[in-house]
C-alpha cells in the first residue's frame, strides 16, 4: 500500500476567531481523508479481521462508529480542552430568589442563575453550605444585595475565588440605615421597592455586557422591557395604596422599610431586630396595637409564627401571610400590595 502526499490549500489566519475556523477546516479535511481511507481499505481487511476476531461487530457498524468518533471533536459543545471551556455556560449566583427573577429577565437563556437562599430559608439566619461554596468556585458572577450572610461570604470569595466577579446591586441606591437596636447597618430589603429594582436592572445589564459583549443587544432589549414592567407595577401599587397613605402595618419581621417609604406607609415590627423580642418590648407593642385597634398582623413563612400568634391573641387580631422572598417578583409584589391594602381598609390605623 502506497500513499502519495499532495500539496494542500493554504490558510491565512488573521485573528483568533479565524484561527479557530482554520483549525476546524484542517481537522475536517484530515478526517475526510481518514474516513475515505478507512472505507476504501476496510473491505480488504474484513476477511482477516473476521477470522482474527470472530465475535467482532458487523463491519458496517464498525465503520459508522469509527467515523462518528472521528467527527465528535468537531461538534460544537463537545470538544476538548480550550474549545470545551469556551462552550461552558455562563453561571451566576444570587443571594435570594427574587434576584433570580431579576437576572433571568435580563439575561434570558444566556445565563444559568442559582440562588444561595432556597425556598423556606431566611437570609437573616442562612449560612452557605460546603456544596454551594464548591459551586461558587466555578461560577462567573455573584450578585450581592446586602443580606447578612454576604459579609463573611464575600470576604471568603475574594480570597479564594479571585476570578469570580462580584456585583453589588446596591450601587446608585439610597439606603435606609437602621438604628443600632434594630441590628444596625443598612437595611438590605431594597428589592421591595420596584423603583429600586429598576436601578438594579441597569447594574445587572452592564455586568452582563462586560462579561458577554456579544449578547449586549439582547441584554439591553430585555432590560428595557423589564424596566417598563417594573414601572407599570410601581404605578399599580401607588394606585392601590395611595388612599391609605400614612397608615401603619404591623409586621413580624421588619422587611418593609423600603416598601413603606415608596408608598407612604409605616411599619411596626414585632421582632425589630429579626429576633424574638423581649417581654418589655412586647408589652409596649400590645398596648400600642390595642390602642390602634389592630386586626391584622403580617407574617412571613420563613419565621416561626409563635410570637406573632401570642400578640395576635392578646389583641384579637388575625395573621396574614406575606412572602417578600417569593421568586415571581412582579405578581408577588402585586399580591402583597393588595393584601396590605385590603387589611388597612378594614382596619385603618395611623402612626401616633
C-alpha atoms as a PDB file:
ATOM      1  CA  UNK A   1       0.000   0.000   0.000  1.00  0.00           C
ATOM      2  CA  UNK A   2       1.438   3.373  -1.054  1.00  0.00           C
ATOM      3  CA  UNK A   3       0.347   6.886  -0.069  1.00  0.00           C
ATOM      4  CA  UNK A   4       1.176   9.995  -2.052  1.00  0.00           C
ATOM      5  CA  UNK A   5       1.332  13.352  -0.275  1.00  0.00           C
ATOM      6  CA  UNK A   6      -0.286  16.073  -2.383  1.00  0.00           C
ATOM      7  CA  UNK A   7       0.106  19.825  -1.826  1.00  0.00           C
ATOM      8  CA  UNK A   8      -2.858  21.124   0.145  1.00  0.00           C
ATOM      9  CA  UNK A   9      -4.602  24.504   0.256  1.00  0.00           C
ATOM     10  CA  UNK A  10      -3.045  27.396   2.138  1.00  0.00           C
ATOM     11  CA  UNK A  11      -4.857  29.119   5.038  1.00  0.00           C
ATOM     12  CA  UNK A  12      -4.254  32.658   6.231  1.00  0.00           C
ATOM     13  CA  UNK A  13      -5.129  33.124   9.928  1.00  0.00           C
ATOM     14  CA  UNK A  14      -5.651  36.793  10.752  1.00  0.00           C
ATOM     15  CA  UNK A  15      -7.436  36.595  14.135  1.00  0.00           C
ATOM     16  CA  UNK A  16      -8.145  34.167  16.979  1.00  0.00           C
ATOM     17  CA  UNK A  17     -11.606  33.522  15.553  1.00  0.00           C
ATOM     18  CA  UNK A  18     -10.177  32.934  12.094  1.00  0.00           C
ATOM     19  CA  UNK A  19      -7.541  30.693  13.625  1.00  0.00           C
ATOM     20  CA  UNK A  20     -10.179  28.525  15.237  1.00  0.00           C
ATOM     21  CA  UNK A  21     -12.108  28.387  11.968  1.00  0.00           C
ATOM     22  CA  UNK A  22      -8.980  27.458  10.024  1.00  0.00           C
ATOM     23  CA  UNK A  23      -8.140  24.740  12.540  1.00  0.00           C
ATOM     24  CA  UNK A  24     -11.615  23.238  12.145  1.00  0.00           C
ATOM     25  CA  UNK A  25     -11.284  23.269   8.337  1.00  0.00           C
ATOM     26  CA  UNK A  26      -7.940  21.469   8.530  1.00  0.00           C
ATOM     27  CA  UNK A  27      -9.370  18.972  11.010  1.00  0.00           C
ATOM     28  CA  UNK A  28     -12.363  18.347   8.760  1.00  0.00           C
ATOM     29  CA  UNK A  29     -10.208  17.765   5.675  1.00  0.00           C
ATOM     30  CA  UNK A  30      -7.986  15.398   7.639  1.00  0.00           C
ATOM     31  CA  UNK A  31     -10.955  13.449   8.944  1.00  0.00           C
ATOM     32  CA  UNK A  32     -12.489  13.261   5.460  1.00  0.00           C
ATOM     33  CA  UNK A  33      -9.242  11.748   4.168  1.00  0.00           C
ATOM     34  CA  UNK A  34      -9.066   9.319   7.092  1.00  0.00           C
ATOM     35  CA  UNK A  35     -12.675   8.293   6.577  1.00  0.00           C
ATOM     36  CA  UNK A  36     -12.145   7.708   2.839  1.00  0.00           C
ATOM     37  CA  UNK A  37      -9.083   5.559   3.529  1.00  0.00           C
ATOM     38  CA  UNK A  38     -10.995   3.672   6.218  1.00  0.00           C
ATOM     39  CA  UNK A  39     -13.894   2.925   3.880  1.00  0.00           C
ATOM     40  CA  UNK A  40     -11.548   2.152   0.932  1.00  0.00           C
ATOM     41  CA  UNK A  41      -9.352  -0.397   2.664  1.00  0.00           C
ATOM     42  CA  UNK A  42     -11.566  -1.918   5.371  1.00  0.00           C
ATOM     43  CA  UNK A  43     -13.235  -4.318   2.878  1.00  0.00           C
ATOM     44  CA  UNK A  44      -9.778  -5.752   2.135  1.00  0.00           C
ATOM     45  CA  UNK A  45      -9.247  -6.293   5.866  1.00  0.00           C
ATOM     46  CA  UNK A  46     -12.693  -7.742   6.507  1.00  0.00           C
ATOM     47  CA  UNK A  47     -11.638 -11.360   5.903  1.00  0.00           C
ATOM     48  CA  UNK A  48      -8.578 -11.055   8.163  1.00  0.00           C
ATOM     49  CA  UNK A  49     -10.459  -9.220  10.940  1.00  0.00           C
ATOM     50  CA  UNK A  50     -13.375 -11.640  10.928  1.00  0.00           C
ATOM     51  CA  UNK A  51     -11.026 -14.581  11.297  1.00  0.00           C
ATOM     52  CA  UNK A  52      -8.852 -12.985  13.946  1.00  0.00           C
ATOM     53  CA  UNK A  53     -11.848 -11.746  15.991  1.00  0.00           C
ATOM     54  CA  UNK A  54     -14.862 -13.986  15.360  1.00  0.00           C
ATOM     55  CA  UNK A  55     -17.063 -12.013  17.794  1.00  0.00           C
ATOM     56  CA  UNK A  56     -16.297  -8.616  16.271  1.00  0.00           C
ATOM     57  CA  UNK A  57     -19.233  -6.317  15.497  1.00  0.00           C
ATOM     58  CA  UNK A  58     -20.626  -6.166  11.923  1.00  0.00           C
ATOM     59  CA  UNK A  59     -18.356  -4.216   9.566  1.00  0.00           C
ATOM     60  CA  UNK A  60     -20.998  -1.590   8.763  1.00  0.00           C
ATOM     61  CA  UNK A  61     -21.420  -0.743  12.461  1.00  0.00           C
ATOM     62  CA  UNK A  62     -17.665  -0.611  12.904  1.00  0.00           C
ATOM     63  CA  UNK A  63     -17.328   1.909  10.068  1.00  0.00           C
ATOM     64  CA  UNK A  64     -20.175   4.096  11.361  1.00  0.00           C
ATOM     65  CA  UNK A  65     -18.810   4.157  14.907  1.00  0.00           C
ATOM     66  CA  UNK A  66     -15.314   4.946  13.646  1.00  0.00           C
ATOM     67  CA  UNK A  67     -16.491   7.895  11.552  1.00  0.00           C
ATOM     68  CA  UNK A  68     -18.661   9.249  14.388  1.00  0.00           C
ATOM     69  CA  UNK A  69     -15.728   9.023  16.787  1.00  0.00           C
ATOM     70  CA  UNK A  70     -13.512  10.927  14.336  1.00  0.00           C
ATOM     71  CA  UNK A  71     -16.106  13.660  13.807  1.00  0.00           C
ATOM     72  CA  UNK A  72     -17.040  14.008  17.512  1.00  0.00           C
ATOM     73  CA  UNK A  73     -14.409  16.654  18.406  1.00  0.00           C
ATOM     74  CA  UNK A  74     -15.834  18.963  15.690  1.00  0.00           C
ATOM     75  CA  UNK A  75     -19.359  19.002  17.113  1.00  0.00           C
ATOM     76  CA  UNK A  76     -19.973  22.370  18.881  1.00  0.00           C
ATOM     77  CA  UNK A  77     -20.037  21.963  22.644  1.00  0.00           C
ATOM     78  CA  UNK A  78     -18.356  18.542  22.521  1.00  0.00           C
ATOM     79  CA  UNK A  79     -14.756  19.493  22.015  1.00  0.00           C
ATOM     80  CA  UNK A  80     -11.875  19.096  24.381  1.00  0.00           C
ATOM     81  CA  UNK A  81      -9.641  21.486  26.267  1.00  0.00           C
ATOM     82  CA  UNK A  82      -9.987  25.139  25.310  1.00  0.00           C
ATOM     83  CA  UNK A  83     -12.952  24.539  22.971  1.00  0.00           C
ATOM     84  CA  UNK A  84     -14.949  22.897  25.767  1.00  0.00           C
ATOM     85  CA  UNK A  85     -14.110  25.758  28.098  1.00  0.00           C
ATOM     86  CA  UNK A  86     -15.393  28.294  25.538  1.00  0.00           C
ATOM     87  CA  UNK A  87     -18.737  26.469  25.341  1.00  0.00           C
ATOM     88  CA  UNK A  88     -19.243  26.337  29.131  1.00  0.00           C
ATOM     89  CA  UNK A  89     -22.451  28.214  30.043  1.00  0.00           C
ATOM     90  CA  UNK A  90     -22.163  31.456  31.997  1.00  0.00           C
ATOM     91  CA  UNK A  91     -23.124  30.821  35.620  1.00  0.00           C
ATOM     92  CA  UNK A  92     -24.241  33.436  38.128  1.00  0.00           C
ATOM     93  CA  UNK A  93     -25.131  33.107  41.796  1.00  0.00           C
ATOM     94  CA  UNK A  94     -27.520  35.450  43.587  1.00  0.00           C
ATOM     95  CA  UNK A  95     -28.360  35.762  47.257  1.00  0.00           C
ATOM     96  CA  UNK A  96     -32.163  35.394  47.260  1.00  0.00           C
ATOM     97  CA  UNK A  97     -34.918  34.072  44.995  1.00  0.00           C
ATOM     98  CA  UNK A  98     -36.325  37.429  43.769  1.00  0.00           C
ATOM     99  CA  UNK A  99     -32.879  38.187  42.343  1.00  0.00           C
ATOM    100  CA  UNK A 100     -33.110  35.033  40.212  1.00  0.00           C
ATOM    101  CA  UNK A 101     -36.139  36.613  38.558  1.00  0.00           C
ATOM    102  CA  UNK A 102     -34.313  39.915  38.022  1.00  0.00           C
ATOM    103  CA  UNK A 103     -31.280  38.330  36.349  1.00  0.00           C
ATOM    104  CA  UNK A 104     -33.296  35.915  34.214  1.00  0.00           C
ATOM    105  CA  UNK A 105     -35.499  38.726  32.925  1.00  0.00           C
ATOM    106  CA  UNK A 106     -32.401  40.459  31.567  1.00  0.00           C
ATOM    107  CA  UNK A 107     -30.138  37.528  30.645  1.00  0.00           C
ATOM    108  CA  UNK A 108     -32.821  35.291  29.175  1.00  0.00           C
ATOM    109  CA  UNK A 109     -31.438  31.858  28.309  1.00  0.00           C
ATOM    110  CA  UNK A 110     -27.853  33.152  28.099  1.00  0.00           C
ATOM    111  CA  UNK A 111     -27.180  32.584  31.779  1.00  0.00           C
ATOM    112  CA  UNK A 112     -27.548  29.887  34.429  1.00  0.00           C
ATOM    113  CA  UNK A 113     -28.761  31.558  37.638  1.00  0.00           C
ATOM    114  CA  UNK A 114     -28.616  29.871  41.055  1.00  0.00           C
ATOM    115  CA  UNK A 115     -29.814  31.231  44.429  1.00  0.00           C
ATOM    116  CA  UNK A 116     -27.936  30.825  47.697  1.00  0.00           C
ATOM    117  CA  UNK A 117     -31.018  31.072  49.954  1.00  0.00           C
ATOM    118  CA  UNK A 118     -33.500  28.383  48.935  1.00  0.00           C
ATOM    119  CA  UNK A 119     -37.305  28.390  49.393  1.00  0.00           C
ATOM    120  CA  UNK A 120     -38.294  28.308  53.051  1.00  0.00           C
ATOM    121  CA  UNK A 121     -34.932  29.635  54.251  1.00  0.00           C
ATOM    122  CA  UNK A 122     -34.327  33.106  55.676  1.00  0.00           C
ATOM    123  CA  UNK A 123     -31.329  35.255  54.680  1.00  0.00           C
ATOM    124  CA  UNK A 124     -31.292  36.510  58.282  1.00  0.00           C
ATOM    125  CA  UNK A 125     -30.244  33.078  59.584  1.00  0.00           C
ATOM    126  CA  UNK A 126     -28.816  31.384  56.470  1.00  0.00           C
ATOM    127  CA  UNK A 127     -25.249  30.080  56.117  1.00  0.00           C
ATOM    128  CA  UNK A 128     -23.761  28.754  52.828  1.00  0.00           C
ATOM    129  CA  UNK A 129     -23.252  25.005  52.537  1.00  0.00           C
ATOM    130  CA  UNK A 130     -19.910  23.400  51.522  1.00  0.00           C
ATOM    131  CA  UNK A 131     -21.568  22.242  48.281  1.00  0.00           C
ATOM    132  CA  UNK A 132     -22.550  25.812  47.420  1.00  0.00           C
ATOM    133  CA  UNK A 133     -19.044  27.063  48.188  1.00  0.00           C
ATOM    134  CA  UNK A 134     -17.591  24.492  45.774  1.00  0.00           C
ATOM    135  CA  UNK A 135     -20.091  25.524  43.102  1.00  0.00           C
ATOM    136  CA  UNK A 136     -19.195  29.194  43.586  1.00  0.00           C
ATOM    137  CA  UNK A 137     -15.582  28.376  42.729  1.00  0.00           C
ATOM    138  CA  UNK A 138     -16.667  27.593  39.166  1.00  0.00           C
ATOM    139  CA  UNK A 139     -19.125  30.481  38.733  1.00  0.00           C
ATOM    140  CA  UNK A 140     -18.595  33.647  36.683  1.00  0.00           C
ATOM    141  CA  UNK A 141     -20.691  36.199  38.605  1.00  0.00           C
ATOM    142  CA  UNK A 142     -22.072  36.784  42.065  1.00  0.00           C
ATOM    143  CA  UNK A 143     -24.775  39.430  42.535  1.00  0.00           C
ATOM    144  CA  UNK A 144     -24.930  40.668  46.129  1.00  0.00           C
ATOM    145  CA  UNK A 145     -27.713  42.740  47.692  1.00  0.00           C
ATOM    146  CA  UNK A 146     -26.606  43.319  51.300  1.00  0.00           C
ATOM    147  CA  UNK A 147     -28.270  40.487  53.246  1.00  0.00           C
ATOM    148  CA  UNK A 148     -26.458  39.476  56.482  1.00  0.00           C
ATOM    149  CA  UNK A 149     -24.613  36.341  55.392  1.00  0.00           C
ATOM    150  CA  UNK A 150     -22.940  38.152  52.487  1.00  0.00           C
ATOM    151  CA  UNK A 151     -20.444  39.989  54.683  1.00  0.00           C
ATOM    152  CA  UNK A 152     -18.455  36.885  55.591  1.00  0.00           C
ATOM    153  CA  UNK A 153     -19.201  35.152  52.277  1.00  0.00           C
ATOM    154  CA  UNK A 154     -17.844  37.961  50.099  1.00  0.00           C
ATOM    155  CA  UNK A 155     -14.632  38.088  52.113  1.00  0.00           C
ATOM    156  CA  UNK A 156     -14.088  34.358  51.544  1.00  0.00           C
ATOM    157  CA  UNK A 157     -14.915  34.607  47.847  1.00  0.00           C
ATOM    158  CA  UNK A 158     -12.491  37.466  47.268  1.00  0.00           C
ATOM    159  CA  UNK A 159      -9.730  35.449  48.935  1.00  0.00           C
ATOM    160  CA  UNK A 160     -10.438  32.003  47.470  1.00  0.00           C
ATOM    161  CA  UNK A 161     -12.028  32.708  44.059  1.00  0.00           C
ATOM    162  CA  UNK A 162     -10.292  35.783  42.603  1.00  0.00           C
ATOM    163  CA  UNK A 163     -11.702  35.068  39.110  1.00  0.00           C
ATOM    164  CA  UNK A 164     -15.293  35.392  40.341  1.00  0.00           C
ATOM    165  CA  UNK A 165     -16.750  38.828  39.533  1.00  0.00           C
ATOM    166  CA  UNK A 166     -18.823  40.240  42.402  1.00  0.00           C
ATOM    167  CA  UNK A 167     -21.517  42.792  41.516  1.00  0.00           C
ATOM    168  CA  UNK A 168     -23.140  44.950  44.208  1.00  0.00           C
ATOM    169  CA  UNK A 169     -26.761  45.679  43.298  1.00  0.00           C
ATOM    170  CA  UNK A 170     -26.934  48.473  45.882  1.00  0.00           C
ATOM    171  CA  UNK A 171     -24.948  50.706  43.519  1.00  0.00           C
ATOM    172  CA  UNK A 172     -26.759  54.018  42.979  1.00  0.00           C
ATOM    173  CA  UNK A 173     -29.444  53.299  45.610  1.00  0.00           C
ATOM    174  CA  UNK A 174     -30.233  55.495  48.614  1.00  0.00           C
ATOM    175  CA  UNK A 175     -30.127  53.068  51.536  1.00  0.00           C
ATOM    176  CA  UNK A 176     -32.109  53.208  54.762  1.00  0.00           C
ATOM    177  CA  UNK A 177     -29.869  52.870  57.831  1.00  0.00           C
ATOM    178  CA  UNK A 178     -31.428  51.022  60.736  1.00  0.00           C
ATOM    179  CA  UNK A 179     -30.996  52.017  64.368  1.00  0.00           C
ATOM    180  CA  UNK A 180     -28.381  50.095  66.359  1.00  0.00           C
ATOM    181  CA  UNK A 181     -31.144  48.461  68.387  1.00  0.00           C
ATOM    182  CA  UNK A 182     -32.650  47.124  65.171  1.00  0.00           C
ATOM    183  CA  UNK A 183     -29.496  45.187  64.157  1.00  0.00           C
ATOM    184  CA  UNK A 184     -27.875  48.361  62.795  1.00  0.00           C
ATOM    185  CA  UNK A 185     -26.320  48.973  59.388  1.00  0.00           C
ATOM    186  CA  UNK A 186     -28.064  49.449  56.040  1.00  0.00           C
ATOM    187  CA  UNK A 187     -31.444  47.789  55.649  1.00  0.00           C
ATOM    188  CA  UNK A 188     -30.953  45.115  52.939  1.00  0.00           C
ATOM    189  CA  UNK A 189     -34.587  44.777  51.765  1.00  0.00           C
ATOM    190  CA  UNK A 190     -34.156  47.070  48.762  1.00  0.00           C
ATOM    191  CA  UNK A 191     -35.959  44.712  46.373  1.00  0.00           C
ATOM    192  CA  UNK A 192     -39.319  45.557  47.983  1.00  0.00           C
ATOM    193  CA  UNK A 193     -39.390  48.905  46.163  1.00  0.00           C
ATOM    194  CA  UNK A 194     -39.909  48.369  42.396  1.00  0.00           C
ATOM    195  CA  UNK A 195     -38.306  51.719  41.573  1.00  0.00           C
ATOM    196  CA  UNK A 196     -35.077  50.463  43.184  1.00  0.00           C
ATOM    197  CA  UNK A 197     -35.273  47.214  41.223  1.00  0.00           C
ATOM    198  CA  UNK A 198     -35.324  49.355  38.069  1.00  0.00           C
ATOM    199  CA  UNK A 199     -31.936  50.724  39.137  1.00  0.00           C
ATOM    200  CA  UNK A 200     -30.704  47.203  39.917  1.00  0.00           C
ATOM    201  CA  UNK A 201     -31.718  46.127  36.409  1.00  0.00           C
ATOM    202  CA  UNK A 202     -29.271  48.639  34.932  1.00  0.00           C
ATOM    203  CA  UNK A 203     -26.464  47.312  37.140  1.00  0.00           C
ATOM    204  CA  UNK A 204     -27.257  43.736  36.070  1.00  0.00           C
ATOM    205  CA  UNK A 205     -27.378  44.716  32.397  1.00  0.00           C
ATOM    206  CA  UNK A 206     -23.991  46.417  32.487  1.00  0.00           C
ATOM    207  CA  UNK A 207     -22.378  43.484  34.324  1.00  0.00           C
ATOM    208  CA  UNK A 208     -23.669  41.051  31.708  1.00  0.00           C
ATOM    209  CA  UNK A 209     -22.472  43.223  28.841  1.00  0.00           C
ATOM    210  CA  UNK A 210     -18.970  43.404  30.326  1.00  0.00           C
ATOM    211  CA  UNK A 211     -18.867  39.630  30.693  1.00  0.00           C
ATOM    212  CA  UNK A 212     -20.534  38.808  27.369  1.00  0.00           C
ATOM    213  CA  UNK A 213     -20.272  41.705  24.872  1.00  0.00           C
ATOM    214  CA  UNK A 214     -21.716  39.536  22.093  1.00  0.00           C
ATOM    215  CA  UNK A 215     -25.059  39.467  23.913  1.00  0.00           C
ATOM    216  CA  UNK A 216     -25.209  43.225  24.519  1.00  0.00           C
ATOM    217  CA  UNK A 217     -28.190  43.871  22.226  1.00  0.00           C
ATOM    218  CA  UNK A 218     -30.228  41.124  23.875  1.00  0.00           C
ATOM    219  CA  UNK A 219     -29.391  42.346  27.373  1.00  0.00           C
ATOM    220  CA  UNK A 220     -30.299  45.944  26.504  1.00  0.00           C
ATOM    221  CA  UNK A 221     -33.601  44.917  24.926  1.00  0.00           C
ATOM    222  CA  UNK A 222     -34.566  42.629  27.817  1.00  0.00           C
ATOM    223  CA  UNK A 223     -33.592  45.258  30.378  1.00  0.00           C
ATOM    224  CA  UNK A 224     -35.716  47.903  28.676  1.00  0.00           C
ATOM    225  CA  UNK A 225     -38.727  45.563  28.692  1.00  0.00           C
ATOM    226  CA  UNK A 226     -38.220  44.547  32.332  1.00  0.00           C
ATOM    227  CA  UNK A 227     -37.846  48.162  33.492  1.00  0.00           C
ATOM    228  CA  UNK A 228     -41.094  49.047  31.719  1.00  0.00           C
ATOM    229  CA  UNK A 229     -42.876  46.189  33.520  1.00  0.00           C
ATOM    230  CA  UNK A 230     -41.470  47.395  36.854  1.00  0.00           C
ATOM    231  CA  UNK A 231     -42.676  50.942  36.159  1.00  0.00           C
ATOM    232  CA  UNK A 232     -46.170  49.594  35.479  1.00  0.00           C
ATOM    233  CA  UNK A 233     -46.051  47.589  38.723  1.00  0.00           C
ATOM    234  CA  UNK A 234     -44.998  50.681  40.656  1.00  0.00           C
ATOM    235  CA  UNK A 235     -47.877  52.643  39.132  1.00  0.00           C
ATOM    236  CA  UNK A 236     -50.410  49.943  40.081  1.00  0.00           C
ATOM    237  CA  UNK A 237     -49.137  49.787  43.666  1.00  0.00           C
ATOM    238  CA  UNK A 238     -49.333  53.574  44.005  1.00  0.00           C
ATOM    239  CA  UNK A 239     -52.922  53.481  42.775  1.00  0.00           C
ATOM    240  CA  UNK A 240     -53.837  50.725  45.271  1.00  0.00           C
ATOM    241  CA  UNK A 241     -52.057  52.190  48.308  1.00  0.00           C
ATOM    242  CA  UNK A 242     -52.269  55.963  47.808  1.00  0.00           C
ATOM    243  CA  UNK A 243     -55.675  56.263  49.548  1.00  0.00           C
ATOM    244  CA  UNK A 244     -54.131  54.595  52.628  1.00  0.00           C
ATOM    245  CA  UNK A 245     -51.090  56.875  52.917  1.00  0.00           C
ATOM    246  CA  UNK A 246     -49.771  57.449  56.434  1.00  0.00           C
ATOM    247  CA  UNK A 247     -51.231  54.282  57.935  1.00  0.00           C
ATOM    248  CA  UNK A 248     -49.334  51.637  59.915  1.00  0.00           C
ATOM    249  CA  UNK A 249     -48.828  47.970  59.115  1.00  0.00           C
ATOM    250  CA  UNK A 250     -47.939  45.592  61.940  1.00  0.00           C
ATOM    251  CA  UNK A 251     -45.402  43.013  60.726  1.00  0.00           C
ATOM    252  CA  UNK A 252     -43.376  40.285  62.398  1.00  0.00           C
ATOM    253  CA  UNK A 253     -40.087  40.903  60.560  1.00  0.00           C
ATOM    254  CA  UNK A 254     -39.026  44.480  59.675  1.00  0.00           C
ATOM    255  CA  UNK A 255     -38.654  43.832  55.953  1.00  0.00           C
ATOM    256  CA  UNK A 256     -40.872  46.633  54.642  1.00  0.00           C
ATOM    257  CA  UNK A 257     -38.968  49.874  55.232  1.00  0.00           C
ATOM    258  CA  UNK A 258     -38.354  50.489  51.507  1.00  0.00           C
ATOM    259  CA  UNK A 259     -41.878  49.394  50.601  1.00  0.00           C
ATOM    260  CA  UNK A 260     -43.307  51.787  53.189  1.00  0.00           C
ATOM    261  CA  UNK A 261     -41.025  54.620  52.065  1.00  0.00           C
ATOM    262  CA  UNK A 262     -42.174  54.136  48.472  1.00  0.00           C
ATOM    263  CA  UNK A 263     -45.899  54.067  49.282  1.00  0.00           C
ATOM    264  CA  UNK A 264     -46.038  56.383  52.315  1.00  0.00           C
ATOM    265  CA  UNK A 265     -46.830  53.766  54.954  1.00  0.00           C
ATOM    266  CA  UNK A 266     -45.293  52.969  58.364  1.00  0.00           C
ATOM    267  CA  UNK A 267     -44.162  49.527  59.533  1.00  0.00           C
ATOM    268  CA  UNK A 268     -44.363  48.435  63.182  1.00  0.00           C
ATOM    269  CA  UNK A 269     -42.297  45.247  63.681  1.00  0.00           C
ATOM    270  CA  UNK A 270     -42.966  42.656  66.366  1.00  0.00           C
ATOM    271  CA  UNK A 271     -39.343  41.460  66.133  1.00  0.00           C
ATOM    272  CA  UNK A 272     -37.428  44.684  65.364  1.00  0.00           C
ATOM    273  CA  UNK A 273     -34.001  43.042  65.177  1.00  0.00           C
ATOM    274  CA  UNK A 274     -35.269  39.968  63.375  1.00  0.00           C
ATOM    275  CA  UNK A 275     -35.066  38.040  66.662  1.00  0.00           C
ATOM    276  CA  UNK A 276     -37.504  37.084  69.407  1.00  0.00           C
ATOM    277  CA  UNK A 277     -38.371  40.341  71.240  1.00  0.00           C
ATOM    278  CA  UNK A 278     -38.139  40.834  74.998  1.00  0.00           C
ATOM    279  CA  UNK A 279     -41.128  40.872  77.337  1.00  0.00           C
ATOM    280  CA  UNK A 280     -40.952  44.648  77.931  1.00  0.00           C
ATOM    281  CA  UNK A 281     -40.990  45.432  74.213  1.00  0.00           C
ATOM    282  CA  UNK A 282     -43.878  43.017  73.628  1.00  0.00           C
ATOM    283  CA  UNK A 283     -45.907  44.617  76.423  1.00  0.00           C
ATOM    284  CA  UNK A 284     -45.488  48.085  74.878  1.00  0.00           C
ATOM    285  CA  UNK A 285     -46.308  46.709  71.433  1.00  0.00           C
ATOM    286  CA  UNK A 286     -49.502  45.045  72.664  1.00  0.00           C
ATOM    287  CA  UNK A 287     -50.590  48.286  74.356  1.00  0.00           C
ATOM    288  CA  UNK A 288     -49.959  50.232  71.139  1.00  0.00           C
ATOM    289  CA  UNK A 289     -51.732  47.659  68.950  1.00  0.00           C
ATOM    290  CA  UNK A 290     -54.701  47.607  71.332  1.00  0.00           C
ATOM    291  CA  UNK A 291     -54.899  51.406  71.189  1.00  0.00           C
ATOM    292  CA  UNK A 292     -54.771  51.275  67.385  1.00  0.00           C
ATOM    293  CA  UNK A 293     -57.422  48.526  67.316  1.00  0.00           C
ATOM    294  CA  UNK A 294     -55.196  46.447  65.043  1.00  0.00           C
ATOM    295  CA  UNK A 295     -56.984  43.499  63.476  1.00  0.00           C
ATOM    296  CA  UNK A 296     -54.218  42.090  61.284  1.00  0.00           C
ATOM    297  CA  UNK A 297     -50.524  41.225  61.691  1.00  0.00           C
ATOM    298  CA  UNK A 298     -48.427  40.322  58.643  1.00  0.00           C
ATOM    299  CA  UNK A 299     -46.123  37.321  58.979  1.00  0.00           C
ATOM    300  CA  UNK A 300     -43.519  35.571  56.781  1.00  0.00           C
ATOM    301  CA  UNK A 301     -43.257  31.827  56.083  1.00  0.00           C
ATOM    302  CA  UNK A 302     -39.503  31.945  56.800  1.00  0.00           C
ATOM    303  CA  UNK A 303     -40.071  32.724  60.504  1.00  0.00           C
ATOM    304  CA  UNK A 304     -41.852  30.966  63.346  1.00  0.00           C
ATOM    305  CA  UNK A 305     -45.277  32.482  63.937  1.00  0.00           C
ATOM    306  CA  UNK A 306     -45.416  31.656  67.658  1.00  0.00           C
ATOM    307  CA  UNK A 307     -44.629  35.184  68.863  1.00  0.00           C
ATOM    308  CA  UNK A 308     -46.944  36.765  66.297  1.00  0.00           C
ATOM    309  CA  UNK A 309     -49.711  34.391  67.370  1.00  0.00           C
ATOM    310  CA  UNK A 310     -49.239  35.400  71.008  1.00  0.00           C
ATOM    311  CA  UNK A 311     -49.543  39.094  70.136  1.00  0.00           C
ATOM    312  CA  UNK A 312     -52.491  38.450  67.827  1.00  0.00           C
ATOM    313  CA  UNK A 313     -54.284  36.508  70.565  1.00  0.00           C
ATOM    314  CA  UNK A 314     -53.671  39.293  73.088  1.00  0.00           C
ATOM    315  CA  UNK A 315     -55.193  41.976  70.849  1.00  0.00           C
ATOM    316  CA  UNK A 316     -57.768  39.858  68.997  1.00  0.00           C
ATOM    317  CA  UNK A 317     -56.046  40.115  65.603  1.00  0.00           C
ATOM    318  CA  UNK A 318     -55.640  37.699  62.685  1.00  0.00           C
ATOM    319  CA  UNK A 319     -52.423  36.719  60.887  1.00  0.00           C
ATOM    320  CA  UNK A 320     -51.948  37.412  57.176  1.00  0.00           C
ATOM    321  CA  UNK A 321     -49.015  35.774  55.321  1.00  0.00           C
ATOM    322  CA  UNK A 322     -46.759  37.821  53.051  1.00  0.00           C
ATOM    323  CA  UNK A 323     -43.688  36.364  51.336  1.00  0.00           C
ATOM    324  CA  UNK A 324     -41.146  39.031  50.334  1.00  0.00           C
ATOM    325  CA  UNK A 325     -38.779  36.249  49.204  1.00  0.00           C
ATOM    326  CA  UNK A 326     -41.007  34.661  46.543  1.00  0.00           C
ATOM    327  CA  UNK A 327     -39.330  34.242  43.159  1.00  0.00           C
ATOM    328  CA  UNK A 328     -42.047  35.531  40.813  1.00  0.00           C
ATOM    329  CA  UNK A 329     -41.391  39.146  41.715  1.00  0.00           C
ATOM    330  CA  UNK A 330     -43.979  41.220  39.861  1.00  0.00           C
ATOM    331  CA  UNK A 331     -47.020  39.057  40.607  1.00  0.00           C
ATOM    332  CA  UNK A 332     -45.893  38.555  44.213  1.00  0.00           C
ATOM    333  CA  UNK A 333     -45.436  42.290  44.821  1.00  0.00           C
ATOM    334  CA  UNK A 334     -48.889  42.991  43.452  1.00  0.00           C
ATOM    335  CA  UNK A 335     -50.339  40.257  45.684  1.00  0.00           C
ATOM    336  CA  UNK A 336     -48.645  41.750  48.755  1.00  0.00           C
ATOM    337  CA  UNK A 337     -49.829  45.243  47.873  1.00  0.00           C
ATOM    338  CA  UNK A 338     -53.428  44.100  47.524  1.00  0.00           C
ATOM    339  CA  UNK A 339     -53.356  42.140  50.798  1.00  0.00           C
ATOM    340  CA  UNK A 340     -51.954  45.113  52.687  1.00  0.00           C
ATOM    341  CA  UNK A 341     -54.492  47.482  51.144  1.00  0.00           C
ATOM    342  CA  UNK A 342     -57.394  45.162  51.922  1.00  0.00           C
ATOM    343  CA  UNK A 343     -56.297  44.806  55.558  1.00  0.00           C
ATOM    344  CA  UNK A 344     -55.836  48.555  56.037  1.00  0.00           C
ATOM    345  CA  UNK A 345     -59.216  49.320  54.516  1.00  0.00           C
ATOM    346  CA  UNK A 346     -60.841  47.012  57.056  1.00  0.00           C
ATOM    347  CA  UNK A 347     -58.890  48.475  59.954  1.00  0.00           C
ATOM    348  CA  UNK A 348     -57.095  51.750  59.135  1.00  0.00           C
ATOM    349  CA  UNK A 349     -54.513  52.800  61.697  1.00  0.00           C
ATOM    350  CA  UNK A 350     -52.472  55.956  61.975  1.00  0.00           C
ATOM    351  CA  UNK A 351     -48.961  56.264  63.399  1.00  0.00           C
ATOM    352  CA  UNK A 352     -49.067  58.299  66.628  1.00  0.00           C
END
